[in-house]
Amino acid sequence: MPAPQNQFKAALKADKSLIGCWVGLADPYVAEITGSAGFDWLLIDCEHAPNDLRSMMTQLKVLEASDSFPAVRLPIGETWMIKQFLDAGAQTLLIPMVESKAQAEELVRAVRYPPSGVRGVGAALARASHFAGIPDYLTTANQEICLLVQVENRAGLAELDGILSVEGVDGVFIGPSDLAADMGHLGDPMHPDVVAAIEDALPRIKASGKAPGILTTDLDFARSCIELGVKFVATSVDVLTYASAIRAEAARVKERVAG
């Protein structure tokens, strides 16, 4: 029996455009609700949300019943951390702040078992192998891992062609907010200079055969990005959605009840 099929990776190969949501409330109950909303994919954020290995794992578990494909963003692309997240059952990883071909090559090695990589062989202890319940896990796991690298500053954009040349990188995700900050436009990801840089990068990613991705809550820009070849776009953030809704609800109730 082989490793479970990575449906997110399969959908990218099928040339579908996937609409997703950032999952940052760090709670399995909320993740389960979000998984029922109808998004194509969900990103469990362990970089800027208060998630750790265990909370990420519990959210992965509740999303198994969902039709939304889960991905996980690590706080940093460290080999030891990648090993733990893969063993916990994550199959699609988004790694932030990738700035060079050499860094991308190291990440590919980190998600693969020897001899093509350096992932530690501890699958017998791992949730990913159903605790040794998948006899062919070690020989089939590599092909089901989806590695997405995040390019989000000028250094990364300058090295984009080199990053795109790395076999084993499945997608390149542009981070508009950090890119805007690095370009001198902190808090303004829709600045014309930032948009121009993104619109230059996305077709290059697509032409390389890798899946382009992006996060933007500007739906017109999201549509434009899809037209430029984006295959996975996050258009919503659970934290922002909840914060906006609960504030509006408090204001509505106070106006109606308290006058």
Protein backbone atom coordinates (compact mmCIF):
# COMPACT_ATOMS: atom_id res chain seq x y z
CA MET A 1 0.00 0.00 0.00
CA PRO A 2 1.51 3.37 -1.04
CA ALA A 3 1.49 6.74 0.71
CA PRO A 4 -1.84 8.59 0.48
CA GLN A 5 -2.32 10.58 -2.70
CA ASN A 6 -1.69 14.28 -2.24
CA GLN A 7 -4.88 15.69 -3.72
CA PHE A 8 -3.59 19.26 -3.63
CA LYS A 9 -0.59 18.27 -5.74
CA ALA A 10 -2.79 16.27 -8.10
CA ALA A 11 -5.13 19.24 -8.53
CA LEU A 12 -2.22 21.52 -9.41
CA LYS A 13 -1.03 19.03 -12.01
CA ALA A 14 -4.56 18.91 -13.42
CA ASP A 15 -4.15 22.63 -14.19
CA LYS A 16 -7.01 23.75 -11.96
CA SER A 17 -7.23 27.18 -10.35
CA LEU A 18 -7.78 26.67 -6.62
CA ILE A 19 -9.35 29.27 -4.31
CA GLY A 20 -8.26 29.10 -0.70
CA CYS A 21 -8.37 30.56 2.77
CA TRP A 22 -5.65 31.31 5.33
CA VAL A 23 -6.29 29.44 8.59
CA GLY A 24 -4.74 31.37 11.45
CA LEU A 25 -7.11 31.08 14.40
CA ALA A 26 -5.11 28.07 15.59
CA ASP A 27 -8.07 26.01 16.73
CA PRO A 28 -9.33 22.66 15.38
CA TYR A 29 -12.97 23.58 16.01
CA VAL A 30 -12.65 26.67 13.83
CA ALA A 31 -10.59 24.77 11.25
CA GLU A 32 -13.36 22.19 10.99
CA ILE A 33 -15.93 24.92 10.35
CA THR A 34 -13.66 26.52 7.75
CA GLY A 35 -13.20 23.14 6.12
CA SER A 36 -16.96 22.98 5.57
CA ALA A 37 -17.14 26.41 3.91
CA GLY A 38 -16.34 25.28 0.37
CA PHE A 39 -12.81 26.55 -0.25
CA ASP A 40 -10.65 24.43 -2.52
CA TRP A 41 -7.65 24.61 -0.19
CA LEU A 42 -6.73 25.84 3.26
CA LEU A 43 -3.40 27.06 4.58
CA ILE A 44 -2.64 26.29 8.22
CA ASP A 45 -0.27 29.09 9.14
CA CYS A 46 2.51 28.26 11.58
CA GLU A 47 4.57 31.35 10.77
CA HIS A 48 2.40 34.26 11.89
CA ALA A 49 -0.35 32.40 13.77
CA PRO A 50 0.14 30.83 17.23
CA ASN A 51 0.38 27.30 15.86
CA ASP A 52 2.93 24.69 16.85
CA LEU A 53 3.47 21.11 15.68
CA ARG A 54 0.70 19.68 17.85
CA SER A 55 -1.95 22.30 17.05
CA MET A 56 -1.14 21.98 13.35
CA MET A 57 -1.53 18.21 13.59
CA THR A 58 -4.96 18.42 15.25
CA GLN A 59 -6.17 20.77 12.53
CA LEU A 60 -4.89 18.42 9.84
CA LYS A 61 -6.85 15.64 11.51
CA VAL A 62 -10.20 17.46 11.50
CA LEU A 63 -9.66 18.52 7.89
CA GLU A 64 -9.41 14.90 6.77
CA ALA A 65 -13.20 14.87 6.51
CA SER A 66 -13.19 18.07 4.47
CA ASP A 67 -13.19 18.53 0.71
CA SER A 68 -10.66 21.36 1.14
CA PHE A 69 -7.03 20.39 0.52
CA PRO A 70 -4.77 21.29 3.48
CA ALA A 71 -1.38 22.95 3.19
CA VAL A 72 0.90 24.05 6.01
CA ARG A 73 3.20 27.06 6.22
CA LEU A 74 6.21 26.51 8.44
CA PRO A 75 7.77 29.37 10.41
CA ILE A 76 11.13 28.73 8.72
CA GLY A 77 12.62 26.22 6.31
CA GLU A 78 14.75 24.28 8.77
CA THR A 79 15.42 20.62 7.90
CA TRP A 80 14.66 19.35 11.41
CA MET A 81 11.34 21.18 11.46
CA ILE A 82 10.37 19.96 7.98
CA LYS A 83 11.04 16.40 9.13
CA GLN A 84 8.70 16.77 12.11
CA PHE A 85 5.89 18.37 10.10
CA LEU A 86 6.08 15.68 7.41
CA ASP A 87 6.08 12.91 10.00
CA ALA A 88 3.02 14.52 11.62
CA GLY A 89 1.13 14.06 8.34
CA ALA A 90 1.56 17.30 6.40
CA GLN A 91 2.06 16.56 2.69
CA THR A 92 1.99 20.09 1.28
CA LEU A 93 4.46 22.57 2.77
CA LEU A 94 4.83 26.28 2.11
CA ILE A 95 8.26 27.57 3.10
CA PRO A 96 8.66 31.32 3.66
CA MET A 97 11.48 33.65 2.60
CA VAL A 98 13.19 31.56 -0.09
CA GLU A 99 15.87 33.70 -1.70
CA SER A 100 18.16 31.47 -3.76
CA LYS A 101 18.54 28.36 -5.89
CA ALA A 102 20.78 26.81 -3.25
CA GLN A 103 18.15 27.33 -0.56
CA ALA A 104 15.47 25.77 -2.79
CA GLU A 105 17.73 22.77 -3.45
CA GLU A 106 18.24 22.24 0.27
CA LEU A 107 14.49 22.33 0.82
CA VAL A 108 13.96 19.67 -1.84
CA ARG A 109 16.50 17.47 -0.09
CA ALA A 110 14.79 18.09 3.24
CA VAL A 111 11.44 16.71 2.04
CA ARG A 112 12.91 13.59 0.42
CA TYR A 113 14.20 10.35 1.86
CA PRO A 114 17.75 9.20 1.04
CA PRO A 115 19.43 8.71 -1.30
CA SER A 116 17.81 11.72 -3.03
CA GLY A 117 17.37 13.66 0.20
CA VAL A 118 18.08 13.87 3.91
CA ARG A 119 14.66 13.32 5.52
CA GLY A 120 15.14 11.23 8.63
CA VAL A 121 13.87 7.66 8.34
CA GLY A 122 11.58 7.39 11.35
CA ALA A 123 8.33 6.53 9.61
CA ALA A 124 7.51 3.73 12.04
CA LEU A 125 6.83 6.42 14.67
CA ALA A 126 5.01 8.71 12.30
CA ARG A 127 1.38 9.62 11.85
CA ALA A 128 2.20 10.06 8.16
CA SER A 129 2.75 6.32 7.75
CA HIS A 130 -0.34 5.50 9.84
CA PHE A 131 2.16 4.37 12.49
CA ALA A 132 3.79 1.79 10.22
CA GLY A 133 0.39 0.80 8.84
CA ILE A 134 1.42 1.79 5.29
CA PRO A 135 4.04 -0.80 4.32
CA ASP A 136 5.23 1.05 1.21
CA TYR A 137 5.35 4.50 2.77
CA LEU A 138 9.13 4.92 2.61
CA THR A 139 9.32 4.07 -1.09
CA THR A 140 6.32 6.15 -2.18
CA ALA A 141 6.27 9.17 0.14
CA ASN A 142 8.63 11.38 -1.90
CA GLN A 143 6.33 11.58 -4.89
CA GLU A 144 3.34 12.68 -2.79
CA ILE A 145 5.06 15.61 -1.07
CA CYS A 146 4.20 19.01 -2.52
CA LEU A 147 6.87 21.64 -1.91
CA LEU A 148 5.82 25.26 -2.32
CA VAL A 149 8.41 27.99 -1.81
CA GLN A 150 7.54 31.55 -0.94
CA VAL A 151 9.35 34.38 -2.75
CA GLU A 152 8.61 37.60 -0.90
CA ASN A 153 11.47 40.06 -1.24
CA ARG A 154 13.72 41.63 -3.86
CA ALA A 155 16.47 39.09 -3.23
CA GLY A 156 14.09 36.24 -4.03
CA LEU A 157 12.80 37.94 -7.16
CA ALA A 158 16.37 38.55 -8.33
CA GLU A 159 17.05 34.81 -7.99
CA LEU A 160 13.67 33.69 -9.32
CA ASP A 161 15.02 32.02 -12.46
CA GLY A 162 17.44 29.97 -10.39
CA ILE A 163 14.71 28.94 -7.96
CA LEU A 164 12.48 27.96 -10.88
CA SER A 165 15.22 25.72 -12.27
CA VAL A 166 15.16 23.46 -9.19
CA GLU A 167 13.55 20.09 -9.85
CA GLY A 168 11.32 19.13 -6.95
CA VAL A 169 9.88 22.56 -6.30
CA ASP A 170 6.21 22.20 -7.18
CA GLY A 171 5.07 25.80 -6.85
CA VAL A 172 6.28 29.32 -6.16
CA PHE A 173 4.12 31.55 -4.00
CA ILE A 174 4.50 35.31 -4.11
CA GLY A 175 4.04 37.09 -0.75
CA PRO A 176 2.77 40.61 -1.54
CA SER A 177 2.93 42.07 1.99
CA ASP A 178 6.56 41.25 2.70
CA LEU A 179 7.51 42.12 -0.86
CA ALA A 180 5.84 45.51 -0.47
CA ALA A 181 7.71 46.14 2.78
CA ASP A 182 11.03 45.16 1.22
CA MET A 183 10.36 47.47 -1.71
CA GLY A 184 9.74 50.41 0.64
CA HIS A 185 5.94 50.27 0.60
CA LEU A 186 5.16 48.81 4.03
CA GLY A 187 1.42 48.19 4.41
CA ASP A 188 0.70 48.84 0.73
CA PRO A 189 0.81 45.53 -1.17
CA MET A 190 -1.23 47.07 -4.00
CA HIS A 191 1.32 49.80 -4.69
CA PRO A 192 1.88 50.00 -8.47
CA ASP A 193 5.56 49.03 -8.13
CA VAL A 194 4.64 45.93 -6.13
CA VAL A 195 1.86 44.96 -8.53
CA ALA A 196 4.24 45.39 -11.46
CA ALA A 197 6.82 43.10 -9.84
CA ILE A 198 4.17 40.45 -9.17
CA GLU A 199 2.76 40.69 -12.68
CA ASP A 200 6.27 40.16 -14.03
CA ALA A 201 6.94 37.15 -11.81
CA LEU A 202 3.73 35.16 -12.21
CA PRO A 203 4.01 34.42 -15.97
CA ARG A 204 7.66 33.41 -15.48
CA ILE A 205 6.63 30.93 -12.80
CA LYS A 206 3.93 29.52 -15.04
CA ALA A 207 6.31 29.25 -18.02
CA SER A 208 8.70 27.18 -15.90
CA GLY A 209 6.06 24.51 -15.42
CA LYS A 210 5.67 25.21 -11.72
CA ALA A 211 2.41 26.34 -10.12
CA PRO A 212 2.21 30.07 -9.30
CA GLY A 213 0.44 31.06 -6.08
CA ILE A 214 -0.46 34.22 -4.17
CA LEU A 215 -2.40 35.62 -1.22
CA THR A 216 -4.58 38.67 -1.84
CA THR A 217 -7.89 39.81 -0.43
CA ASP A 218 -8.36 42.15 -3.40
CA LEU A 219 -10.73 40.07 -5.51
CA ASP A 220 -10.15 42.06 -8.70
CA PHE A 221 -6.43 41.50 -8.34
CA ALA A 222 -7.02 37.82 -7.56
CA ARG A 223 -8.93 37.52 -10.84
CA SER A 224 -6.09 39.25 -12.69
CA CYS A 225 -3.57 36.90 -11.10
CA ILE A 226 -5.55 33.86 -12.23
CA GLU A 227 -5.54 35.31 -15.74
CA LEU A 228 -1.75 35.53 -15.45
CA GLY A 229 -1.56 31.84 -14.58
CA VAL A 230 -1.97 31.58 -10.82
CA LYS A 231 -3.09 28.07 -9.85
CA PHE A 232 -3.60 28.53 -6.11
CA VAL A 233 -4.75 31.80 -4.62
CA ALA A 234 -5.86 32.54 -1.06
CA THR A 235 -8.48 35.27 -1.05
CA SER A 236 -9.62 35.11 2.58
CA VAL A 237 -8.11 35.01 6.06
CA ASP A 238 -10.14 33.47 8.87
CA VAL A 239 -8.79 35.93 11.45
CA LEU A 240 -9.85 38.94 9.37
CA THR A 241 -13.21 37.40 8.50
CA TYR A 242 -14.04 36.68 12.14
CA ALA A 243 -12.71 40.01 13.42
CA SER A 244 -14.74 41.96 10.86
CA ALA A 245 -17.92 39.96 11.45
CA ILE A 246 -17.81 40.06 15.25
CA ARG A 247 -17.08 43.80 15.32
CA ALA A 248 -19.95 44.45 12.96
CA GLU A 249 -22.20 42.27 15.09
CA ALA A 250 -21.28 44.13 18.28
CA ALA A 251 -21.97 47.46 16.61
CA ARG A 252 -25.28 46.24 15.21
CA VAL A 253 -26.53 44.90 18.53
CA LYS A 254 -25.50 48.01 20.47
CA GLU A 255 -27.24 50.25 18.00
CA ARG A 256 -30.46 48.20 18.10
CA VAL A 257 -30.55 47.46 21.83
CA ALA A 258 -28.84 50.38 23.52
CA GLY A 259 -29.96 53.02 21.04
